[in-house]
Protein backbone atom coordinates (compact mmCIF):
# COMPACT_ATOMS: atom_id res chain seq x y z
CA MET A 1 103.14 121.25 34.62
CA GLU A 2 102.63 119.68 38.00
CA GLU A 3 99.05 120.92 38.07
CA ILE A 4 98.26 119.15 34.80
CA SER A 5 99.85 115.94 35.97
CA TYR A 6 98.06 116.22 39.29
CA LEU A 7 94.67 116.72 37.60
CA VAL A 8 95.18 113.80 35.23
CA SER A 9 96.36 111.60 38.09
CA LYS A 10 93.43 112.55 40.28
CA SER A 11 90.99 111.92 37.42
CA ILE A 12 92.34 108.44 36.86
CA ALA A 13 92.39 107.80 40.61
CA LYS A 14 88.72 108.81 40.84
CA VAL A 15 87.81 106.45 38.01
CA ILE A 16 89.67 103.65 39.78
CA ARG A 17 88.06 104.40 43.15
CA PHE A 18 84.50 105.34 42.27
CA SER A 19 83.58 103.81 38.93
CA THR A 20 81.06 101.01 39.11
CA ASN A 21 82.36 99.73 35.80
CA GLU A 22 84.93 97.06 36.61
CA GLU A 23 86.28 96.95 33.06
CA MET A 24 86.98 100.68 33.16
CA LYS A 25 88.71 100.34 36.54
CA LEU A 26 90.85 97.47 35.30
CA SER A 27 91.79 99.40 32.17
CA CYS A 28 92.93 102.37 34.25
CA LEU A 29 94.90 100.10 36.57
CA LYS A 30 96.46 98.39 33.56
CA LEU A 31 97.35 101.77 32.10
CA LEU A 32 99.30 102.51 35.29
CA ASN A 33 100.58 98.93 35.62
CA VAL A 34 99.22 98.57 39.18
CA ASN A 35 96.74 96.29 40.97
CA ASN A 36 94.62 98.66 43.06
CA SER A 37 93.84 102.30 43.82
CA LEU A 38 96.37 102.52 46.66
CA GLU A 39 99.16 101.44 44.34
CA ALA A 40 97.90 103.94 41.75
CA GLU A 41 98.10 106.76 44.32
CA LYS A 42 101.68 105.75 45.15
CA VAL A 43 102.58 105.81 41.44
CA PHE A 44 101.12 109.31 41.09
CA GLN A 45 102.94 110.62 44.14
CA GLN A 46 106.24 109.04 43.11
CA GLN A 47 105.91 110.50 39.63
CA LEU A 48 105.38 113.99 41.02
CA ILE A 49 108.40 113.60 43.32
CA GLU A 50 110.58 112.47 40.41
CA TRP A 51 109.48 115.36 38.21
CA LYS A 52 110.23 117.83 40.99
CA LYS A 53 113.74 116.39 41.46
CA GLN A 54 114.75 116.56 37.81
CA PRO A 55 116.14 119.94 36.71
CA MET A 56 114.84 119.69 33.16
CA GLU A 57 113.96 122.33 30.68
CA LYS A 58 110.34 123.41 30.76
CA SER A 59 109.83 122.50 27.11
CA TYR A 60 110.99 118.93 27.76
CA LEU A 61 108.72 118.57 30.77
CA LYS A 62 105.82 120.01 28.83
CA SER A 63 106.36 117.57 25.96
CA GLN A 64 106.61 114.64 28.38
CA LEU A 65 103.39 115.62 30.14
CA THR A 66 101.64 116.28 26.85
CA ALA A 67 102.66 112.86 25.53
CA GLN A 68 101.54 111.17 28.73
CA LYS A 69 98.25 113.07 28.73
CA ARG A 70 97.64 112.05 25.10
CA LYS A 71 98.26 108.41 26.02
CA VAL A 72 95.86 108.61 28.96
CA ASP A 73 93.25 110.47 26.87
CA CYS A 74 93.54 107.88 24.11
CA GLU A 75 93.13 104.96 26.50
CA LEU A 76 90.19 106.57 28.28
CA SER A 77 88.56 107.39 24.93
CA LYS A 78 88.88 103.75 23.89
CA ILE A 79 87.33 102.62 27.16
CA ILE A 80 84.46 105.11 26.89
CA THR A 81 83.83 104.27 23.23
CA ASN A 82 83.79 100.57 24.03
CA GLU A 83 81.40 101.13 26.93
CA TRP A 84 79.13 103.27 24.76
CA GLU A 85 79.03 100.58 22.06
CA ASN A 86 78.27 97.90 24.64
CA TRP A 87 75.52 100.05 26.14
CA GLU A 88 73.83 100.58 22.77
């Protein structure tokens, strides 16, 4: 579970840090409700710490991560689709 969360978090962090597309960066920051990449990193780290602390059932954790991943995937898909349409 932590590996999935870590990979998703790192992917979003890379978009925030390295994307030349400001709209995409802002969308990722908005998704995390932060203002910059440093704040995003802190959110990711805090989330991992919280998940490690909570003695939850694996199925619950899996469903939470799956739901969060779907939300992130959906938002990123919207951003990419919008960028593709603007590019055409």
